[in-house]
Structures are given as C-alpha cells and as structure tokens.
C-alpha cells in the first residue's frame, strides 16, 4: 500500500516533534494504547461550518482543515475524544474552561499543578506559542507554533472537536 510509508513517516515526525518520554501517570491504567494518529471521526461539513460560525472572533474565521492538519503535530501525545486515554500528554476533551492539571490519572509537572491557569483560547494561544516560555518547567517539549494563524486554526479545531455536549 502506497500510503503506509507516508503514514509511518508522518508518525515518526509527530513523535519527534513531541517526544518527551512518558511517565507512569500518562499510560492508560488498562495497559491498552490508542493509536496516536487515529483521527477524530469527521463531522459533516455543514456541522463544522455551523460550529465555527458560533465561535467567538477570531476563531469563527479559522481554517478548520488547517487546524486539523496542524493538530497532527499533537496527536502523538494527546487524544481528543471523549473518554480517550491519557498518553504522553493528557486527553484534551473538554479542555476549554477546565483548570490546568485537572485530568484524572495524568501525572502533571509540579509547575502546572501549582499554576492557576484555566484553559481558554487566550491562555492556550500563549501556551502554543512557546510552552516552555509560557510556563517554564512544564513537561511539554513541543517547541510551539510560530504562525498566529496556525495557532488560531488549531484552537478553533479544538474548540469544535473537544466541546462537551449533552448526550
């Protein structure tokens, strides 16, 4: 299959981008591991358009597909599905409005545990710019996203994909 080498190359690149070594607090207790690169099931285009339009500015003008692609850099460390496992990084479902270091079962750095961050678009934008400068001493080794449009698009993608809904 022609796509397999591309998939493997992309997976290796993503792992390199976020390689920080896991710790026992970041492994699912069941010992099972979810594929890091498994995409969220696609939403219908009209639902995505409606969800984006409902976001506050400037996120309502984001490029969802670019955000999805850029989030590929994060998939080796984070899951976004409801009930998804913690990996090298915590599951991000429901991240907006959540206090930092609040995901059950994930072993956060002491500096993140001591922070008073509540995740929203603004603190996430600062974090994604350069995580180590935003909160020195945190465990995330990702160097950040330089382009403000890429950060906007990733944040909008996460706002759509990690939103908690009444089910």
N, C-alpha and C. Protein backbone atom coordinates (compact mmCIF):
# COMPACT_ATOMS: atom_id res chain seq x y z
N UNK A 1 0.85 -1.17 0.00
CA UNK A 1 0.00 0.00 0.00
C UNK A 1 0.89 1.23 0.00
N UNK A 2 0.64 2.17 -0.88
CA UNK A 2 1.49 3.34 -1.04
C UNK A 2 1.42 4.29 0.16
N UNK A 3 0.30 4.38 0.84
CA UNK A 3 0.14 5.32 1.94
C UNK A 3 0.90 4.92 3.19
N UNK A 4 1.19 3.64 3.36
CA UNK A 4 1.83 3.18 4.58
C UNK A 4 3.17 3.88 4.85
N UNK A 5 4.09 3.99 3.88
CA UNK A 5 5.33 4.71 4.15
C UNK A 5 5.09 6.17 4.53
N UNK A 6 4.11 6.81 3.89
CA UNK A 6 3.80 8.19 4.25
C UNK A 6 3.27 8.28 5.67
N UNK A 7 2.38 7.35 6.04
CA UNK A 7 1.84 7.31 7.38
C UNK A 7 2.95 7.12 8.41
N UNK A 8 3.85 6.17 8.14
CA UNK A 8 4.94 5.91 9.07
C UNK A 8 5.86 7.12 9.19
N UNK A 9 6.15 7.78 8.07
CA UNK A 9 7.00 8.97 8.11
C UNK A 9 6.32 10.07 8.91
N UNK A 10 5.03 10.26 8.71
CA UNK A 10 4.29 11.28 9.45
C UNK A 10 4.26 10.95 10.94
N UNK A 11 4.06 9.68 11.26
CA UNK A 11 4.02 9.28 12.67
C UNK A 11 5.38 9.52 13.33
N UNK A 12 6.45 9.18 12.63
CA UNK A 12 7.80 9.42 13.18
C UNK A 12 8.05 10.90 13.37
N UNK A 13 7.63 11.71 12.41
CA UNK A 13 7.82 13.16 12.54
C UNK A 13 7.03 13.70 13.72
N UNK A 14 5.82 13.22 13.90
CA UNK A 14 4.99 13.68 15.02
C UNK A 14 5.59 13.26 16.34
N UNK A 15 6.10 12.05 16.42
CA UNK A 15 6.73 11.59 17.66
C UNK A 15 7.97 12.41 17.97
N UNK A 16 8.74 12.74 16.97
CA UNK A 16 9.93 13.56 17.17
C UNK A 16 9.53 14.94 17.65
N UNK A 17 8.46 15.49 17.09
CA UNK A 17 8.03 16.83 17.45
C UNK A 17 7.60 16.93 18.90
N UNK A 18 7.11 15.85 19.46
CA UNK A 18 6.57 15.92 20.82
C UNK A 18 7.23 14.91 21.74
N UNK A 19 8.38 14.37 21.36
CA UNK A 19 8.98 13.33 22.19
C UNK A 19 9.51 13.94 23.47
N UNK A 20 8.99 13.44 24.57
CA UNK A 20 9.45 13.92 25.86
C UNK A 20 9.57 12.78 26.83
N UNK A 21 9.24 11.59 26.38
CA UNK A 21 9.27 10.45 27.30
C UNK A 21 8.07 10.49 28.19
N UNK A 22 7.40 9.40 28.29
CA UNK A 22 6.22 9.33 29.14
C UNK A 22 6.61 9.02 30.56
N UNK A 23 5.61 9.04 31.41
CA UNK A 23 5.80 8.61 32.78
C UNK A 23 4.63 7.73 33.14
N UNK A 24 4.72 7.04 34.23
CA UNK A 24 3.70 6.06 34.56
C UNK A 24 2.32 6.69 34.71
N UNK A 25 2.27 7.99 35.00
CA UNK A 25 0.98 8.64 35.13
C UNK A 25 0.31 8.93 33.81
N UNK A 26 1.01 8.76 32.70
CA UNK A 26 0.43 9.10 31.43
C UNK A 26 -0.01 7.88 30.63
N UNK A 27 0.14 6.71 31.18
CA UNK A 27 -0.24 5.49 30.47
C UNK A 27 -1.62 5.05 30.95
N UNK A 28 -2.52 4.71 30.04
CA UNK A 28 -3.83 4.25 30.49
C UNK A 28 -3.70 3.08 31.44
N UNK A 29 -4.51 3.07 32.49
CA UNK A 29 -4.40 2.03 33.51
C UNK A 29 -4.70 0.64 32.97
N UNK A 30 -5.45 0.55 31.88
CA UNK A 30 -5.77 -0.75 31.32
C UNK A 30 -4.59 -1.36 30.60
N UNK A 31 -3.56 -0.55 30.35
CA UNK A 31 -2.41 -1.03 29.60
C UNK A 31 -2.65 -0.96 28.11
N UNK A 32 -3.87 -0.68 27.69
CA UNK A 32 -4.17 -0.56 26.26
C UNK A 32 -3.68 0.79 25.77
N UNK A 33 -3.34 0.83 24.53
CA UNK A 33 -2.95 2.12 23.99
C UNK A 33 -3.75 2.39 22.74
N UNK A 34 -4.21 3.63 22.63
CA UNK A 34 -4.96 4.03 21.45
C UNK A 34 -3.97 4.49 20.40
N UNK A 35 -4.26 4.27 19.14
CA UNK A 35 -3.35 4.75 18.13
C UNK A 35 -3.28 6.27 18.17
N UNK A 36 -2.08 6.80 18.27
CA UNK A 36 -1.89 8.23 18.43
C UNK A 36 -2.35 9.01 17.21
N UNK A 37 -2.30 8.42 16.05
CA UNK A 37 -2.62 9.17 14.85
C UNK A 37 -4.05 8.94 14.37
N UNK A 38 -4.85 8.23 15.15
CA UNK A 38 -6.23 7.98 14.73
C UNK A 38 -7.01 9.28 14.75
N UNK A 39 -7.52 9.71 13.61
CA UNK A 39 -8.25 10.98 13.58
C UNK A 39 -9.62 10.85 14.21
N UNK A 40 -10.12 11.98 14.68
CA UNK A 40 -11.48 12.04 15.18
C UNK A 40 -12.40 11.76 14.00
N UNK A 41 -13.49 11.02 14.20
CA UNK A 41 -14.41 10.79 13.10
C UNK A 41 -14.83 12.13 12.49
N UNK A 42 -14.80 12.22 11.18
CA UNK A 42 -15.11 13.51 10.55
C UNK A 42 -16.55 13.93 10.82
N UNK A 43 -16.69 15.21 11.06
CA UNK A 43 -18.02 15.78 11.21
C UNK A 43 -18.50 16.16 9.82
N UNK A 44 -19.77 16.27 9.68
CA UNK A 44 -20.30 16.69 8.39
C UNK A 44 -19.94 18.16 8.17
N UNK A 45 -19.69 18.52 6.93
CA UNK A 45 -19.18 19.86 6.59
C UNK A 45 -20.11 20.96 7.09
N UNK A 46 -21.39 20.75 7.01
CA UNK A 46 -22.34 21.77 7.47
C UNK A 46 -22.27 21.94 8.98
N UNK A 47 -22.11 20.85 9.72
CA UNK A 47 -21.98 20.93 11.18
C UNK A 47 -20.71 21.67 11.57
N UNK A 48 -19.63 21.44 10.84
CA UNK A 48 -18.37 22.14 11.11
C UNK A 48 -18.55 23.64 10.85
N UNK A 49 -19.16 23.97 9.74
CA UNK A 49 -19.39 25.37 9.38
C UNK A 49 -20.23 26.07 10.45
N UNK A 50 -21.27 25.40 10.91
CA UNK A 50 -22.14 25.95 11.95
C UNK A 50 -21.39 26.12 13.27
N UNK A 51 -20.61 25.11 13.65
CA UNK A 51 -19.85 25.18 14.90
C UNK A 51 -18.82 26.30 14.84
N UNK A 52 -18.12 26.45 13.72
CA UNK A 52 -17.13 27.53 13.58
C UNK A 52 -17.80 28.89 13.67
N UNK A 53 -18.93 29.05 13.00
CA UNK A 53 -19.63 30.33 13.00
C UNK A 53 -20.06 30.75 14.41
N UNK A 54 -20.29 29.78 15.28
CA UNK A 54 -20.73 30.06 16.65
C UNK A 54 -19.57 30.44 17.58
N UNK A 55 -18.33 30.26 17.12
CA UNK A 55 -17.18 30.58 17.96
C UNK A 55 -16.97 32.09 18.03
N UNK A 56 -16.35 32.57 19.11
CA UNK A 56 -16.05 34.00 19.18
C UNK A 56 -14.94 34.36 18.19
N UNK A 57 -14.90 35.63 17.80
CA UNK A 57 -13.84 36.11 16.91
C UNK A 57 -12.51 36.01 17.66
N UNK A 58 -11.44 35.71 17.02
CA UNK A 58 -11.22 35.48 15.59
C UNK A 58 -11.39 34.01 15.20
N UNK A 59 -11.77 33.17 16.13
CA UNK A 59 -11.85 31.72 15.89
C UNK A 59 -12.97 31.35 14.93
N UNK A 60 -13.97 32.22 14.81
CA UNK A 60 -15.08 31.96 13.89
C UNK A 60 -14.65 32.10 12.43
N UNK A 61 -13.46 32.62 12.19
CA UNK A 61 -12.95 32.74 10.82
C UNK A 61 -11.76 31.81 10.59
N UNK A 62 -11.57 30.86 11.47
CA UNK A 62 -10.44 29.93 11.36
C UNK A 62 -10.61 28.97 10.20
N UNK A 63 -9.49 28.42 9.79
CA UNK A 63 -9.46 27.38 8.75
C UNK A 63 -9.44 26.03 9.47
N UNK A 64 -10.61 25.41 9.56
CA UNK A 64 -10.76 24.14 10.28
C UNK A 64 -9.81 23.08 9.76
N UNK A 65 -9.70 22.94 8.45
CA UNK A 65 -8.83 21.91 7.86
C UNK A 65 -7.37 22.16 8.20
N UNK A 66 -6.94 23.41 8.19
CA UNK A 66 -5.57 23.71 8.59
C UNK A 66 -5.38 23.36 10.07
N UNK A 67 -6.35 23.68 10.90
CA UNK A 67 -6.27 23.33 12.32
C UNK A 67 -6.18 21.83 12.52
N UNK A 68 -6.96 21.09 11.75
CA UNK A 68 -6.93 19.63 11.84
C UNK A 68 -5.55 19.11 11.44
N UNK A 69 -5.02 19.64 10.35
CA UNK A 69 -3.68 19.21 9.90
C UNK A 69 -2.61 19.58 10.91
N UNK A 70 -2.64 20.80 11.42
CA UNK A 70 -1.63 21.24 12.39
C UNK A 70 -1.75 20.45 13.70
N UNK A 71 -2.97 20.06 14.07
CA UNK A 71 -3.14 19.25 15.28
C UNK A 71 -2.46 17.89 15.11
N UNK A 72 -2.18 17.50 13.89
CA UNK A 72 -1.43 16.27 13.64
C UNK A 72 -0.11 16.25 14.39
N UNK A 73 0.48 17.42 14.63
CA UNK A 73 1.71 17.51 15.41
C UNK A 73 1.48 17.11 16.87
N UNK A 74 0.26 17.19 17.32
CA UNK A 74 -0.09 16.95 18.72
C UNK A 74 -0.59 15.52 18.98
N UNK A 75 -1.03 14.85 17.92
CA UNK A 75 -1.68 13.55 18.07
C UNK A 75 -0.79 12.46 18.66
N UNK A 76 0.52 12.58 18.53
CA UNK A 76 1.37 11.54 19.11
C UNK A 76 1.38 11.62 20.63
N UNK A 77 0.94 12.74 21.17
CA UNK A 77 0.96 12.92 22.63
C UNK A 77 -0.43 13.09 23.25
N UNK A 78 -1.40 13.52 22.46
CA UNK A 78 -2.73 13.84 23.01
C UNK A 78 -3.84 13.16 22.22
N UNK A 79 -4.88 12.72 22.94
CA UNK A 79 -6.13 12.30 22.33
C UNK A 79 -7.15 13.40 22.58
N UNK A 80 -8.20 13.45 21.78
CA UNK A 80 -9.22 14.49 21.95
C UNK A 80 -10.62 13.92 22.10
N UNK A 81 -10.76 12.62 21.95
CA UNK A 81 -12.08 12.01 22.01
C UNK A 81 -12.57 11.92 23.46
N UNK A 82 -13.87 12.03 23.65
CA UNK A 82 -14.44 11.84 24.98
C UNK A 82 -14.05 10.46 25.49
N UNK A 83 -13.52 10.39 26.68
CA UNK A 83 -13.10 9.12 27.26
C UNK A 83 -11.80 8.58 26.71
N UNK A 84 -11.13 9.35 25.85
CA UNK A 84 -9.86 8.91 25.28
C UNK A 84 -8.80 8.81 26.36
N UNK A 85 -7.79 7.99 26.11
CA UNK A 85 -6.75 7.79 27.13
C UNK A 85 -5.79 8.97 27.22
N UNK A 86 -5.17 9.07 28.37
CA UNK A 86 -4.01 9.94 28.51
C UNK A 86 -2.86 9.22 27.84
N UNK A 87 -1.99 9.99 27.23
CA UNK A 87 -0.81 9.40 26.60
C UNK A 87 0.40 10.11 27.21
N UNK A 88 1.35 10.51 26.40
CA UNK A 88 2.46 11.30 26.91
C UNK A 88 1.92 12.60 27.47
N UNK A 89 0.86 13.12 26.87
CA UNK A 89 0.13 14.27 27.35
C UNK A 89 -1.28 13.85 27.72
N UNK A 90 -2.01 14.70 28.44
CA UNK A 90 -3.36 14.35 28.85
C UNK A 90 -4.36 14.41 27.70
N UNK A 91 -5.48 13.71 27.86
CA UNK A 91 -6.60 13.80 26.93
C UNK A 91 -7.11 15.24 26.97
N UNK A 92 -7.44 15.79 25.83
CA UNK A 92 -7.85 17.20 25.74
C UNK A 92 -9.36 17.40 25.61
N UNK A 93 -10.15 16.33 25.62
CA UNK A 93 -11.60 16.51 25.51
C UNK A 93 -12.10 17.34 26.68
N UNK A 94 -12.87 18.38 26.39
CA UNK A 94 -13.41 19.24 27.44
C UNK A 94 -12.39 20.20 28.02
N UNK A 95 -11.30 20.46 27.32
CA UNK A 95 -10.22 21.28 27.85
C UNK A 95 -10.64 22.73 28.12
N UNK A 96 -11.51 23.29 27.31
CA UNK A 96 -11.87 24.71 27.47
C UNK A 96 -12.74 24.91 28.70
N UNK A 97 -12.29 25.81 29.58
CA UNK A 97 -12.96 26.07 30.83
C UNK A 97 -12.47 25.19 31.97
N UNK A 98 -11.57 24.27 31.66
CA UNK A 98 -11.03 23.36 32.67
C UNK A 98 -9.76 23.96 33.27
N UNK A 99 -9.59 23.74 34.57
CA UNK A 99 -8.35 24.16 35.23
C UNK A 99 -7.20 23.28 34.75
N UNK A 100 -6.02 23.88 34.66
CA UNK A 100 -4.83 23.12 34.29
C UNK A 100 -4.60 22.02 35.31
N UNK A 101 -4.01 20.94 34.86
CA UNK A 101 -3.64 19.81 35.72
C UNK A 101 -4.86 19.14 36.35
N UNK A 102 -5.97 19.11 35.62
CA UNK A 102 -7.21 18.57 36.20
C UNK A 102 -7.66 17.23 35.62
N UNK A 103 -6.94 16.68 34.65
CA UNK A 103 -7.37 15.40 34.08
C UNK A 103 -6.97 14.27 35.02
N UNK A 104 -7.95 13.53 35.44
CA UNK A 104 -7.75 12.41 36.36
C UNK A 104 -6.79 11.38 35.75
N UNK A 105 -5.85 10.94 36.56
CA UNK A 105 -4.95 9.88 36.14
C UNK A 105 -3.73 10.33 35.37
N UNK A 106 -3.58 11.62 35.10
CA UNK A 106 -2.39 12.10 34.39
C UNK A 106 -1.41 12.71 35.39
N UNK A 107 -0.15 12.40 35.26
CA UNK A 107 0.88 12.90 36.17
C UNK A 107 1.48 14.19 35.62
N UNK A 108 0.94 15.32 36.06
CA UNK A 108 1.38 16.63 35.60
C UNK A 108 2.66 17.07 36.29
N UNK A 109 3.36 18.02 35.67
CA UNK A 109 4.52 18.62 36.29
C UNK A 109 4.07 19.44 37.51
N UNK A 110 4.96 19.60 38.47
CA UNK A 110 4.64 20.38 39.66
C UNK A 110 4.28 21.82 39.30
N UNK A 111 4.98 22.39 38.32
CA UNK A 111 4.71 23.78 37.95
C UNK A 111 3.31 23.94 37.36
N UNK A 112 2.84 22.97 36.60
CA UNK A 112 1.48 23.05 36.06
C UNK A 112 0.46 22.84 37.16
N UNK A 113 0.75 21.91 38.08
CA UNK A 113 -0.17 21.69 39.23
C UNK A 113 -0.30 22.94 40.07
N UNK A 114 0.78 23.70 40.20
CA UNK A 114 0.78 24.91 41.03
C UNK A 114 0.21 26.13 40.30
N UNK A 115 0.00 26.02 39.01
CA UNK A 115 -0.49 27.18 38.25
C UNK A 115 -1.97 27.41 38.53
N UNK A 116 -2.41 28.61 38.19
CA UNK A 116 -3.83 28.91 38.32
C UNK A 116 -4.47 29.11 36.95
N UNK A 117 -3.96 28.40 35.97
CA UNK A 117 -4.45 28.52 34.59
C UNK A 117 -5.82 27.84 34.46
N UNK A 118 -6.73 28.54 33.82
CA UNK A 118 -7.97 27.95 33.34
C UNK A 118 -7.88 28.02 31.83
N UNK A 119 -7.98 26.86 31.18
CA UNK A 119 -7.76 26.82 29.74
C UNK A 119 -8.90 27.48 28.98
N UNK A 120 -8.53 28.42 28.16
CA UNK A 120 -9.42 29.11 27.24
C UNK A 120 -8.60 29.47 26.01
N UNK A 121 -9.19 30.11 25.04
CA UNK A 121 -8.45 30.43 23.82
C UNK A 121 -7.20 31.28 24.06
N UNK A 122 -7.27 32.28 24.93
CA UNK A 122 -6.12 33.15 25.14
C UNK A 122 -4.95 32.43 25.81
N UNK A 123 -5.16 31.76 26.96
CA UNK A 123 -4.01 31.06 27.54
C UNK A 123 -3.49 29.94 26.64
N UNK A 124 -4.38 29.27 25.90
CA UNK A 124 -3.92 28.22 25.01
C UNK A 124 -3.10 28.81 23.87
N UNK A 125 -3.48 29.98 23.38
CA UNK A 125 -2.70 30.66 22.34
C UNK A 125 -1.29 30.97 22.86
N UNK A 126 -1.20 31.48 24.07
CA UNK A 126 0.12 31.77 24.65
C UNK A 126 0.92 30.48 24.85
N UNK A 127 0.26 29.45 25.34
CA UNK A 127 0.92 28.15 25.57
C UNK A 127 1.46 27.59 24.27
N UNK A 128 0.63 27.61 23.22
CA UNK A 128 1.03 27.04 21.94
C UNK A 128 2.11 27.86 21.23
N UNK A 129 2.29 29.11 21.61
CA UNK A 129 3.34 29.93 21.01
C UNK A 129 4.70 29.36 21.38
N UNK A 130 4.95 29.17 22.67
CA UNK A 130 6.18 28.57 23.19
C UNK A 130 5.89 28.05 24.59
N UNK A 131 5.51 26.80 24.70
CA UNK A 131 5.09 26.26 26.01
C UNK A 131 6.13 26.47 27.12
N UNK A 132 7.39 26.32 26.83
CA UNK A 132 8.41 26.47 27.87
C UNK A 132 8.59 27.91 28.32
N UNK A 133 8.29 28.88 27.47
CA UNK A 133 8.35 30.28 27.88
C UNK A 133 7.09 30.68 28.62
N UNK A 134 5.95 30.13 28.22
CA UNK A 134 4.69 30.45 28.88
C UNK A 134 4.69 29.97 30.32
N UNK A 135 5.17 28.77 30.54
CA UNK A 135 5.22 28.20 31.89
C UNK A 135 6.51 27.39 32.03
N UNK A 136 7.61 28.06 32.34
CA UNK A 136 8.89 27.36 32.46
C UNK A 136 8.82 26.22 33.47
N UNK A 137 9.40 25.09 33.07
CA UNK A 137 9.43 23.92 33.95
C UNK A 137 8.35 22.90 33.66
N UNK A 138 7.45 23.18 32.70
CA UNK A 138 6.44 22.18 32.37
C UNK A 138 7.09 21.06 31.57
N UNK A 139 6.41 19.92 31.47
CA UNK A 139 6.98 18.73 30.81
C UNK A 139 6.85 18.73 29.29
N UNK A 140 6.07 19.61 28.74
CA UNK A 140 5.82 19.58 27.30
C UNK A 140 7.04 20.09 26.54
N UNK A 141 7.57 19.24 25.66
CA UNK A 141 8.77 19.62 24.92
C UNK A 141 8.47 20.20 23.54
N UNK A 142 7.21 20.25 23.16
CA UNK A 142 6.83 20.83 21.87
C UNK A 142 7.34 22.26 21.80
N UNK A 143 7.98 22.63 20.69
CA UNK A 143 8.60 23.95 20.58
C UNK A 143 7.59 25.07 20.33
N UNK A 144 6.41 24.74 19.89
CA UNK A 144 5.38 25.75 19.67
C UNK A 144 5.07 25.96 18.21
N UNK A 145 4.05 26.75 17.97
CA UNK A 145 3.62 27.13 16.62
C UNK A 145 3.89 28.61 16.44
N UNK A 146 4.78 28.96 15.53
CA UNK A 146 5.15 30.36 15.32
C UNK A 146 4.04 31.18 14.67
N UNK A 147 3.34 30.58 13.72
CA UNK A 147 2.35 31.31 12.93
C UNK A 147 1.07 31.52 13.73
N UNK A 148 0.68 32.79 13.95
CA UNK A 148 -0.55 33.05 14.72
C UNK A 148 -1.80 32.48 14.06
N UNK A 149 -1.82 32.40 12.73
CA UNK A 149 -2.98 31.79 12.06
C UNK A 149 -3.05 30.30 12.32
N UNK A 150 -1.90 29.63 12.36
CA UNK A 150 -1.90 28.21 12.70
C UNK A 150 -2.41 28.00 14.12
N UNK A 151 -1.99 28.84 15.05
CA UNK A 151 -2.48 28.71 16.44
C UNK A 151 -3.99 28.96 16.49
N UNK A 152 -4.45 29.98 15.81
CA UNK A 152 -5.90 30.26 15.77
C UNK A 152 -6.65 29.05 15.22
N UNK A 153 -6.13 28.48 14.14
CA UNK A 153 -6.81 27.35 13.50
C UNK A 153 -6.81 26.11 14.38
N UNK A 154 -5.71 25.83 15.07
CA UNK A 154 -5.66 24.69 15.99
C UNK A 154 -6.63 24.90 17.15
N UNK A 155 -6.65 26.10 17.69
CA UNK A 155 -7.55 26.39 18.81
C UNK A 155 -9.01 26.24 18.37
N UNK A 156 -9.36 26.77 17.20
CA UNK A 156 -10.73 26.61 16.70
C UNK A 156 -11.05 25.14 16.47
N UNK A 157 -10.12 24.40 15.90
CA UNK A 157 -10.32 22.96 15.70
C UNK A 157 -10.60 22.28 17.04
N UNK A 158 -9.80 22.61 18.05
CA UNK A 158 -10.01 22.01 19.37
C UNK A 158 -11.32 22.46 19.99
N UNK A 159 -11.71 23.71 19.77
CA UNK A 159 -12.98 24.19 20.31
C UNK A 159 -14.15 23.39 19.73
N UNK A 160 -14.05 23.06 18.45
CA UNK A 160 -15.11 22.27 17.80
C UNK A 160 -15.03 20.81 18.23
N UNK A 161 -13.84 20.24 18.19
CA UNK A 161 -13.68 18.79 18.39
C UNK A 161 -13.70 18.34 19.86
N UNK A 162 -13.39 19.22 20.79
CA UNK A 162 -13.32 18.80 22.19
C UNK A 162 -14.47 19.33 23.03
N UNK A 163 -15.41 19.96 22.36
CA UNK A 163 -16.55 20.52 23.10
C UNK A 163 -17.34 19.41 23.75
N UNK A 164 -17.73 19.66 24.98
CA UNK A 164 -18.58 18.68 25.67
C UNK A 164 -20.03 19.02 25.31
N UNK A 165 -20.80 18.02 25.03
CA UNK A 165 -22.21 18.22 24.67
C UNK A 165 -23.07 17.30 25.52
N UNK A 166 -24.28 17.72 25.74
CA UNK A 166 -25.22 16.86 26.45
C UNK A 166 -25.58 15.71 25.51
N UNK A 167 -25.41 14.50 25.98
CA UNK A 167 -25.67 13.36 25.10
C UNK A 167 -26.85 12.56 25.59
